[in-house]
Amino acid sequence: MSFSLLNKKAWLPIGIIALGGLIAYQILSTSSVTSQKSERKKQKRVRIVQVSALEKGSIAPSWLASGYVKPSETINIHAKVSGDIEQINPLALPGQTLKKGDWLVKLDPVDFELSLNSQHAQLEQANASLALEQADQVLAKEELALLNQNNALNIDQDLVLRKPQLAVAQSKVAVAKNNLAKAKLNLKRTTVVMPFNGQIMTKNVGRGSKVSSNTKLFAITNTQKYWLEVKISHLFLAFLDESVQYKVMNERVWGKGKYRQAQFISILPELDNKDRQIKVLLAIDNPITPLKDNQPHVFINDFVNVELQGKTINNAWTIKHHWLQADNTIWVVDAAQTLQKRKVNVLFKGRNLIYIEGEFQRGDLALAEKPGIANVNLPVKPRRIDIVKGKNRSTEEFGKNKKKTRDLTKRKKNKKVKKGNE
């Protein structure tokens, strides 16, 4: 009895020590599992970001502008003499295209022909008077020779030789010649002609109309050249290449792939009142083409697009607009898979792309999404963006979608097999 009691007392400390060891082991194992879970959570919290490769090279920027086509030259045709319209060219109708020198209207020429005949007669009369005066000059010289024998006489030789009378006769001949030339010109002006290759816009007279130099006969526009006024930004002006031909497009009307060409004319002196952009004047040669040429026909007031070409920028990086931050930096994921900021110098901002200079390190990939809450050296997991069928998709997402498609195909096949067995 005493021995069992002593035996129990001896085992009691051992049991307490064993129990304490068991509890300590349990605590240590629990803390290890907790630390492993927390490490896993930390690993799971690493941010997945979309990245894209940075591209560098020699690039010719372009600027897509638009504007309305307008005539380079539109004038009103007036008669230079007064009279009654006798004939009108049957082709002189609104919309018709005529060449330089083609006649438009003819005035009644009778009065002008009579005036021409009268001027002919006056010229003949003036020539006859001059001939008579020249004969008198011969007699005057003989008389002067006799008078010169007497040196005591004080004689005005110009009066004796009838030089004033000769000058009057010569001037009458000159006036008669001028009047004859004017009569011929007026007769010629009874036919009104096209001053250049052009198209008739409006017709305002008919046969029998009484016209003067103030009467508007036709309005015509020059069809050899149309003008196109477009706007560009101040930044693009420094890159604009004025020596090349620009593509003029109107895909909605002309169809895809068809275009005309325009050349640079000048930079207009005033800015646009609304957006303060620079106005550029372009010219489209021979805008009106026959249908057989299969070229787009350009009309006045056509709203067209034009792709302006810029001078080549060497060794420039190309980025998208949303990559550039307000402080002229962009976020990148470096080779260590951490977020970094790189300072850049903007060369030109286009509508879709921005061309920059910058010092990038090997392995840098541009952050292709909004940075959100981000800081330098933040560890991330990059995911490259690829272009698949015209849409931006990550390679991992595309792989998942492909796997889903395969699984769905297998399920459909299994259903068909089951139905067949039934």
Protein backbone atom coordinates (compact mmCIF):
# COMPACT_ATOMS: atom_id res chain seq x y z
CA MET A 1 0.00 0.00 0.00
CA SER A 2 2.75 2.40 0.86
CA PHE A 3 4.71 1.27 -2.15
CA SER A 4 1.91 2.16 -4.69
CA LEU A 5 1.49 5.53 -3.08
CA LEU A 6 5.18 6.21 -3.38
CA ASN A 7 5.08 4.97 -6.95
CA LYS A 8 2.31 7.42 -7.86
CA LYS A 9 4.16 10.30 -6.33
CA ALA A 10 7.27 9.44 -8.33
CA TRP A 11 5.36 9.36 -11.69
CA LEU A 12 3.47 12.59 -11.16
CA PRO A 13 6.33 15.02 -12.13
CA ILE A 14 7.08 12.90 -15.16
CA GLY A 15 3.48 13.15 -16.31
CA ILE A 16 3.44 16.87 -15.82
CA ILE A 17 6.64 17.25 -17.87
CA ALA A 18 5.23 15.04 -20.64
CA LEU A 19 2.00 17.00 -20.75
CA GLY A 20 3.94 20.27 -20.92
CA GLY A 21 6.03 18.93 -23.79
CA LEU A 22 2.93 17.86 -25.65
CA ILE A 23 1.35 21.31 -25.23
CA ALA A 24 4.59 23.01 -26.37
CA TYR A 25 4.76 20.82 -29.46
CA GLN A 26 1.15 21.63 -30.28
CA ILE A 27 1.82 25.37 -29.97
CA LEU A 28 4.94 25.20 -32.12
CA SER A 29 3.24 23.16 -34.85
CA THR A 30 0.24 25.53 -34.86
CA SER A 31 2.45 28.62 -35.18
CA SER A 32 4.40 26.97 -38.05
CA VAL A 33 1.20 26.22 -39.95
CA THR A 34 -0.03 29.79 -39.31
CA SER A 35 3.22 31.27 -40.59
CA GLN A 36 3.05 29.08 -43.70
CA LYS A 37 -0.53 30.20 -44.35
CA SER A 38 0.43 33.85 -43.92
CA GLU A 39 3.33 33.37 -46.34
CA ARG A 40 0.95 31.81 -48.84
CA LYS A 41 -1.45 34.72 -48.41
CA LYS A 42 1.40 37.14 -49.01
CA GLN A 43 2.31 35.24 -52.15
CA LYS A 44 -1.31 35.30 -53.28
CA ARG A 45 -1.46 39.07 -52.76
CA VAL A 46 1.20 39.77 -55.43
CA ARG A 47 -0.53 41.98 -58.01
CA ILE A 48 -0.98 40.69 -61.58
CA VAL A 49 -0.48 43.48 -64.12
CA GLN A 50 -0.74 43.67 -67.88
CA VAL A 51 2.42 44.74 -69.69
CA SER A 52 3.43 45.43 -73.26
CA ALA A 53 6.75 45.60 -75.09
CA LEU A 54 8.36 48.98 -75.72
CA GLU A 55 9.08 49.62 -79.40
CA LYS A 56 11.79 51.90 -80.77
CA GLY A 57 12.70 52.92 -84.31
CA SER A 58 12.54 55.57 -87.03
CA ILE A 59 8.95 56.72 -87.35
CA ALA A 60 7.19 59.15 -89.69
CA PRO A 61 4.26 60.56 -87.70
CA SER A 62 1.00 61.38 -89.43
CA TRP A 63 -1.93 63.62 -88.63
CA LEU A 64 -5.48 62.76 -89.72
CA ALA A 65 -7.35 65.98 -90.45
CA SER A 66 -10.62 66.80 -92.17
CA GLY A 67 -12.22 69.74 -93.89
CA TYR A 68 -14.56 71.01 -96.59
CA VAL A 69 -13.54 71.31 -100.24
CA LYS A 70 -13.94 74.80 -101.68
CA PRO A 71 -13.24 76.36 -105.08
CA SER A 72 -9.85 77.93 -105.67
CA GLU A 73 -11.38 80.52 -107.99
CA THR A 74 -15.00 81.55 -108.55
CA ILE A 75 -15.86 84.62 -110.63
CA ASN A 76 -18.85 86.35 -112.19
CA ILE A 77 -18.76 86.84 -115.98
CA HIS A 78 -19.72 90.31 -117.27
CA ALA A 79 -19.85 91.70 -120.79
CA LYS A 80 -17.23 94.40 -121.46
CA VAL A 81 -19.52 96.24 -123.89
CA SER A 82 -23.23 97.03 -123.89
CA GLY A 83 -25.65 95.45 -126.34
CA ASP A 84 -28.37 92.89 -126.99
CA ILE A 85 -27.60 89.16 -126.64
CA GLU A 86 -27.97 87.55 -130.06
CA GLN A 87 -26.73 84.01 -129.33
CA ILE A 88 -26.03 81.80 -126.29
CA ASN A 89 -23.84 78.74 -126.47
CA PRO A 90 -26.17 75.71 -126.07
CA LEU A 91 -23.49 74.10 -123.85
CA ALA A 92 -23.43 77.10 -121.52
CA LEU A 93 -25.72 75.55 -118.91
CA PRO A 94 -25.27 75.14 -115.12
CA GLY A 95 -23.04 72.16 -114.40
CA GLN A 96 -21.39 72.10 -117.82
CA THR A 97 -17.61 72.19 -118.07
CA LEU A 98 -16.09 74.38 -120.79
CA LYS A 99 -12.51 75.06 -121.81
CA LYS A 100 -10.63 78.33 -121.86
CA GLY A 101 -11.62 80.37 -124.95
CA ASP A 102 -14.98 78.63 -125.53
CA TRP A 103 -17.65 81.25 -126.33
CA LEU A 104 -20.57 81.80 -123.96
CA VAL A 105 -22.73 84.55 -125.53
CA LYS A 106 -22.58 86.76 -128.62
CA LEU A 107 -23.99 90.31 -128.71
CA ASP A 108 -25.55 91.94 -131.75
CA PRO A 109 -22.44 93.19 -133.67
CA VAL A 110 -24.11 95.62 -136.12
CA ASP A 111 -23.45 98.83 -134.18
CA PHE A 112 -19.84 97.80 -133.55
CA GLU A 113 -19.25 96.96 -137.22
CA LEU A 114 -20.56 100.39 -138.24
CA SER A 115 -18.30 102.05 -135.70
CA LEU A 116 -15.34 100.07 -137.07
CA ASN A 117 -16.09 101.23 -140.63
CA SER A 118 -16.32 104.83 -139.43
CA GLN A 119 -12.92 104.58 -137.73
CA HIS A 120 -11.42 103.16 -140.91
CA ALA A 121 -12.69 106.22 -142.82
CA GLN A 122 -11.34 108.63 -140.21
CA LEU A 123 -7.92 106.98 -140.40
CA GLU A 124 -7.87 107.34 -144.18
CA GLN A 125 -8.81 111.02 -143.84
CA ALA A 126 -6.06 111.59 -141.28
CA ASN A 127 -3.52 109.88 -143.54
CA ALA A 128 -4.59 112.08 -146.47
CA SER A 129 -4.21 115.26 -144.39
CA LEU A 130 -0.75 114.09 -143.34
CA ALA A 131 0.23 113.48 -146.97
CA LEU A 132 -0.89 117.02 -147.94
CA GLU A 133 1.05 118.49 -145.05
CA GLN A 134 4.15 116.56 -146.05
CA ALA A 135 3.84 118.06 -149.60
CA ASP A 136 3.61 121.53 -148.08
CA GLN A 137 6.80 120.75 -146.24
CA VAL A 138 8.69 120.46 -149.56
CA LEU A 139 7.51 123.89 -150.72
CA ALA A 140 8.36 125.37 -147.31
CA LYS A 141 11.94 124.14 -147.57
CA GLU A 142 12.37 125.76 -151.01
CA GLU A 143 11.02 129.07 -149.69
CA LEU A 144 13.37 128.92 -146.72
CA ALA A 145 16.33 128.41 -149.01
CA LEU A 146 15.49 131.64 -150.91
CA LEU A 147 14.98 133.57 -147.72
CA ASN A 148 18.30 132.42 -146.29
CA GLN A 149 20.13 134.36 -149.05
CA ASN A 150 19.27 137.52 -147.17
CA ASN A 151 21.09 137.15 -143.87
CA ALA A 152 19.58 140.33 -142.50
CA LEU A 153 16.12 138.75 -142.14
CA ASN A 154 15.26 137.32 -138.71
CA ILE A 155 13.09 134.30 -139.67
CA ASP A 156 11.55 131.59 -137.43
CA GLN A 157 12.48 128.50 -139.42
CA ASP A 158 10.00 126.21 -137.54
CA LEU A 159 7.09 128.37 -138.72
CA VAL A 160 8.37 128.55 -142.24
CA LEU A 161 8.85 124.79 -142.40
CA ARG A 162 5.29 124.28 -140.97
CA LYS A 163 6.49 121.98 -138.20
CA PRO A 164 3.45 122.68 -135.92
CA GLN A 165 1.07 121.83 -138.78
CA LEU A 166 3.00 118.61 -139.41
CA ALA A 167 2.78 117.61 -135.71
CA VAL A 168 -1.01 118.20 -135.76
CA ALA A 169 -1.44 116.02 -138.83
CA GLN A 170 0.69 113.23 -137.35
CA SER A 171 -1.25 113.30 -134.05
CA LYS A 172 -4.56 113.03 -135.93
CA VAL A 173 -3.25 109.91 -137.64
CA ALA A 174 -2.21 108.42 -134.26
CA VAL A 175 -5.65 109.19 -132.75
CA ALA A 176 -7.39 107.64 -135.74
CA LYS A 177 -5.28 104.48 -135.39
CA ASN A 178 -6.13 104.21 -131.66
CA ASN A 179 -9.84 104.68 -132.37
CA LEU A 180 -9.67 101.98 -135.06
CA ALA A 181 -7.95 99.56 -132.69
CA LYS A 182 -10.57 100.27 -130.01
CA ALA A 183 -13.39 99.70 -132.52
CA LYS A 184 -11.85 96.34 -133.47
CA LEU A 185 -11.52 95.39 -129.78
CA ASN A 186 -15.15 96.34 -129.04
CA LEU A 187 -16.31 94.23 -131.97
CA LYS A 188 -14.27 91.32 -130.64
CA ARG A 189 -15.76 91.83 -127.17
CA THR A 190 -19.26 91.20 -128.49
CA THR A 191 -18.29 87.53 -128.06
CA VAL A 192 -17.92 86.64 -124.34
CA VAL A 193 -15.55 83.69 -123.77
CA MET A 194 -14.40 81.46 -120.89
CA PRO A 195 -11.36 82.96 -119.10
CA PHE A 196 -10.14 79.51 -117.91
CA ASN A 197 -11.14 75.85 -117.81
CA GLY A 198 -14.15 75.87 -115.57
CA GLN A 199 -17.64 74.77 -114.72
CA ILE A 200 -20.72 76.95 -114.95
CA MET A 201 -22.37 77.46 -111.59
CA THR A 202 -25.29 79.76 -112.54
CA LYS A 203 -26.76 81.32 -115.69
CA ASN A 204 -28.56 84.67 -115.38
CA VAL A 205 -29.45 85.81 -118.95
CA GLY A 206 -31.30 84.69 -122.05
CA ARG A 207 -31.48 85.58 -125.74
CA GLY A 208 -32.55 89.17 -126.38
CA SER A 209 -31.42 90.39 -122.95
CA LYS A 210 -30.05 93.91 -122.87
CA VAL A 211 -26.71 93.80 -121.05
CA SER A 212 -24.03 96.23 -119.95
CA SER A 213 -20.71 95.98 -118.19
CA ASN A 214 -22.58 95.74 -114.85
CA THR A 215 -24.78 92.81 -115.88
CA LYS A 216 -23.88 89.43 -114.37
CA LEU A 217 -24.08 86.83 -117.14
CA PHE A 218 -22.67 83.65 -115.54
CA ALA A 219 -20.93 82.49 -112.38
CA ILE A 220 -18.11 80.02 -113.10
CA THR A 221 -15.59 78.15 -110.98
CA ASN A 222 -12.11 76.95 -111.86
CA THR A 223 -12.05 73.16 -112.26
CA GLN A 224 -8.29 72.82 -112.64
CA LYS A 225 -7.77 73.11 -108.89
CA TYR A 226 -9.85 72.93 -105.70
CA TRP A 227 -8.70 74.01 -102.27
CA LEU A 228 -8.93 72.11 -99.00
CA GLU A 229 -8.51 73.84 -95.65
CA VAL A 230 -7.60 71.61 -92.67
CA LYS A 231 -6.34 72.15 -89.11
CA ILE A 232 -3.29 70.78 -87.30
CA SER A 233 -1.86 71.22 -83.82
CA HIS A 234 1.06 73.52 -83.07
CA LEU A 235 3.21 70.49 -82.17
CA PHE A 236 2.71 68.79 -85.54
CA LEU A 237 3.63 71.92 -87.49
CA ALA A 238 7.33 71.33 -86.79
CA PHE A 239 7.08 67.81 -88.27
CA LEU A 240 4.85 68.57 -91.29
CA ASP A 241 6.54 67.47 -94.53
CA GLU A 242 5.53 70.04 -97.15
CA SER A 243 7.22 68.25 -100.06
CA VAL A 244 5.06 65.11 -100.27
CA GLN A 245 1.61 64.35 -101.64
CA TYR A 246 -1.11 63.72 -99.04
CA LYS A 247 -3.92 61.18 -99.29
CA VAL A 248 -7.44 62.63 -99.45
CA MET A 249 -10.11 60.08 -98.50
CA ASN A 250 -13.88 59.91 -98.29
CA GLU A 251 -14.51 56.26 -97.47
CA ARG A 252 -18.24 56.68 -96.82
CA VAL A 253 -18.83 58.05 -100.35
CA TRP A 254 -15.90 56.86 -102.48
CA GLY A 255 -15.47 53.46 -100.89
CA LYS A 256 -12.59 51.83 -99.07
CA GLY A 257 -9.13 52.12 -100.59
CA LYS A 258 -9.97 54.98 -102.98
CA TYR A 259 -8.29 58.33 -102.54
CA ARG A 260 -7.13 61.50 -104.28
CA GLN A 261 -3.92 63.41 -103.70
CA ALA A 262 -3.35 66.93 -102.45
CA GLN A 263 -0.26 69.09 -102.14
CA PHE A 264 0.75 71.73 -99.65
CA ILE A 265 0.05 75.36 -100.57
CA SER A 266 0.58 77.49 -97.47
CA ILE A 267 0.07 78.04 -93.75
CA LEU A 268 -2.81 80.48 -93.28
CA PRO A 269 -2.10 83.53 -91.10
CA GLU A 270 -5.02 83.16 -88.67
CA LEU A 271 -5.80 80.49 -86.07
CA ASP A 272 -9.13 78.77 -85.78
CA ASN A 273 -11.51 80.74 -83.56
CA LYS A 274 -12.76 77.68 -81.66
CA ASP A 275 -9.84 75.37 -80.92
CA ARG A 276 -6.93 77.76 -81.72
CA GLN A 277 -5.35 75.26 -84.11
CA ILE A 278 -3.29 76.14 -87.18
CA LYS A 279 -4.97 76.23 -90.60
CA VAL A 280 -3.22 74.61 -93.56
CA LEU A 281 -4.26 75.20 -97.19
CA LEU A 282 -3.98 72.26 -99.62
CA ALA A 283 -4.72 71.96 -103.34
CA ILE A 284 -6.40 69.09 -105.23
CA ASP A 285 -5.48 69.14 -108.93
CA ASN A 286 -8.03 68.20 -111.61
CA PRO A 287 -10.78 67.33 -109.09
CA ILE A 288 -13.39 66.67 -111.80
CA THR A 289 -12.58 63.45 -113.64
CA PRO A 290 -14.55 61.47 -116.25
CA LEU A 291 -16.32 58.36 -115.00
CA LYS A 292 -14.20 56.16 -117.29
CA ASP A 293 -11.08 57.09 -115.31
CA ASN A 294 -12.51 55.30 -112.25
CA GLN A 295 -11.18 58.02 -109.97
CA PRO A 296 -13.19 59.67 -107.18
CA HIS A 297 -15.00 62.79 -108.33
CA VAL A 298 -14.46 65.68 -105.91
CA PHE A 299 -17.30 68.13 -105.37
CA ILE A 300 -17.29 71.56 -103.79
CA ASN A 301 -18.38 71.32 -100.11
CA ASP A 302 -17.32 67.65 -99.94
CA PHE A 303 -16.29 66.77 -96.37
CA VAL A 304 -13.12 64.70 -96.72
CA ASN A 305 -10.32 63.33 -94.57
CA VAL A 306 -6.66 63.91 -95.33
CA GLU A 307 -3.65 62.09 -93.91
CA LEU A 308 -0.84 64.61 -93.47
CA GLN A 309 2.64 63.11 -93.42
CA GLY A 310 5.37 64.24 -91.04
CA LYS A 311 9.13 64.19 -91.29
CA THR A 312 10.89 61.08 -89.98
CA ILE A 313 11.73 60.99 -86.26
CA ASN A 314 14.82 58.85 -85.66
CA ASN A 315 15.24 56.55 -82.62
CA ALA A 316 11.90 57.34 -81.00
CA TRP A 317 9.92 55.18 -78.57
CA THR A 318 6.25 54.63 -79.35
CA ILE A 319 3.78 54.53 -76.45
CA LYS A 320 0.03 54.81 -75.99
CA HIS A 321 -1.66 57.83 -74.49
CA HIS A 322 -2.77 56.21 -71.24
CA TRP A 323 0.78 55.06 -70.49
CA LEU A 324 2.04 58.63 -70.11
CA GLN A 325 1.65 60.14 -66.63
CA ALA A 326 1.08 63.80 -65.81
CA ASP A 327 4.69 64.24 -64.67
CA ASN A 328 6.04 63.00 -68.06
CA THR A 329 6.91 59.53 -66.77
CA ILE A 330 5.68 56.05 -67.56
CA TRP A 331 5.38 53.01 -65.30
CA VAL A 332 7.39 49.93 -66.29
CA VAL A 333 7.94 46.47 -64.92
CA ASP A 334 11.68 45.82 -64.79
CA ALA A 335 13.62 42.56 -65.11
CA ALA A 336 13.17 41.92 -61.35
CA GLN A 337 9.37 42.10 -61.80
CA THR A 338 8.93 45.27 -59.77
CA LEU A 339 7.22 48.52 -60.70
CA GLN A 340 9.52 51.38 -61.68
CA LYS A 341 9.06 54.89 -63.09
CA ARG A 342 11.02 56.12 -66.11
CA LYS A 343 11.37 59.81 -67.04
CA VAL A 344 10.63 60.56 -70.72
CA ASN A 345 10.75 63.50 -73.11
CA VAL A 346 7.67 63.87 -75.33
CA LEU A 347 8.56 64.51 -78.99
CA PHE A 348 5.07 64.44 -80.46
CA LYS A 349 1.56 63.51 -79.34
CA GLY A 350 -0.59 61.98 -82.05
CA ARG A 351 -4.25 61.08 -81.75
CA ASN A 352 -3.46 57.40 -81.08
CA LEU A 353 0.24 57.24 -80.24
CA ILE A 354 2.91 59.33 -78.53
CA TYR A 355 6.54 59.46 -79.64
CA ILE A 356 9.08 59.95 -76.86
CA GLU A 357 12.74 59.88 -75.89
CA GLY A 358 13.70 57.98 -72.75
CA GLU A 359 16.33 55.92 -70.98
CA PHE A 360 14.96 52.41 -70.50
CA GLN A 361 16.77 49.43 -69.04
CA ARG A 362 17.04 45.97 -70.46
CA GLY A 363 13.98 43.89 -69.59
CA ASP A 364 11.67 46.89 -69.09
CA LEU A 365 8.06 46.29 -70.12
CA ALA A 366 5.51 49.10 -70.22
CA LEU A 367 2.60 48.92 -67.78
CA ALA A 368 -0.35 48.60 -70.17
CA GLU A 369 -3.07 49.44 -67.64
CA LYS A 370 -3.88 52.23 -65.23
CA PRO A 371 -1.40 52.12 -62.35
CA GLY A 372 -4.01 52.68 -59.64
CA ILE A 373 -2.41 52.47 -56.20
CA ALA A 374 1.21 51.83 -57.06
CA ASN A 375 4.63 52.64 -55.74
CA VAL A 376 8.18 52.15 -56.89
CA ASN A 377 9.71 48.69 -56.19
CA LEU A 378 6.29 47.08 -55.69
CA PRO A 379 6.56 43.37 -56.65
CA VAL A 380 4.15 42.37 -59.40
CA LYS A 381 3.42 39.46 -61.67
CA PRO A 382 3.52 40.66 -65.31
CA ARG A 383 1.19 39.32 -67.96
CA ARG A 384 2.05 40.10 -71.59
CA ILE A 385 -0.72 41.44 -73.84
CA ASP A 386 -1.07 39.88 -77.30
CA ILE A 387 -3.34 40.86 -80.14
CA VAL A 388 -5.78 38.03 -80.91
CA LYS A 389 -8.31 38.56 -83.70
CA GLY A 390 -8.20 42.31 -83.32
CA LYS A 391 -8.86 42.28 -79.55
CA ASN A 392 -6.50 42.69 -76.62
CA ARG A 393 -6.30 39.45 -74.65
CA SER A 394 -3.63 38.09 -72.35
CA THR A 395 -1.96 34.82 -73.33
CA GLU A 396 -3.19 33.16 -70.13
CA GLU A 397 -6.79 34.24 -70.72
CA PHE A 398 -6.66 33.05 -74.30
CA GLY A 399 -5.31 29.68 -73.10
CA LYS A 400 -8.14 29.36 -70.59
CA ASN A 401 -10.75 30.17 -73.21
CA LYS A 402 -9.22 27.60 -75.54
CA LYS A 403 -9.34 24.96 -72.76
CA LYS A 404 -12.99 25.82 -72.02
CA THR A 405 -13.79 25.37 -75.70
CA ARG A 406 -12.15 21.92 -75.73
CA ASP A 407 -14.01 20.86 -72.55
CA LEU A 408 -17.31 22.05 -73.98
CA THR A 409 -16.68 20.11 -77.21
CA LYS A 410 -15.92 16.92 -75.21
CA ARG A 411 -19.12 17.29 -73.18
CA LYS A 412 -21.17 17.66 -76.33
CA LYS A 413 -19.59 14.53 -77.81
CA ASN A 414 -20.26 12.55 -74.61
CA LYS A 415 -23.93 13.61 -74.65
CA LYS A 416 -24.27 12.44 -78.25
CA VAL A 417 -22.70 9.06 -77.37
CA LYS A 418 -25.10 8.58 -74.40
CA LYS A 419 -28.12 9.41 -76.54
CA GLY A 420 -26.93 6.91 -79.15
CA ASN A 421 -26.53 4.16 -76.52
CA GLU A 422 -29.99 4.83 -75.16
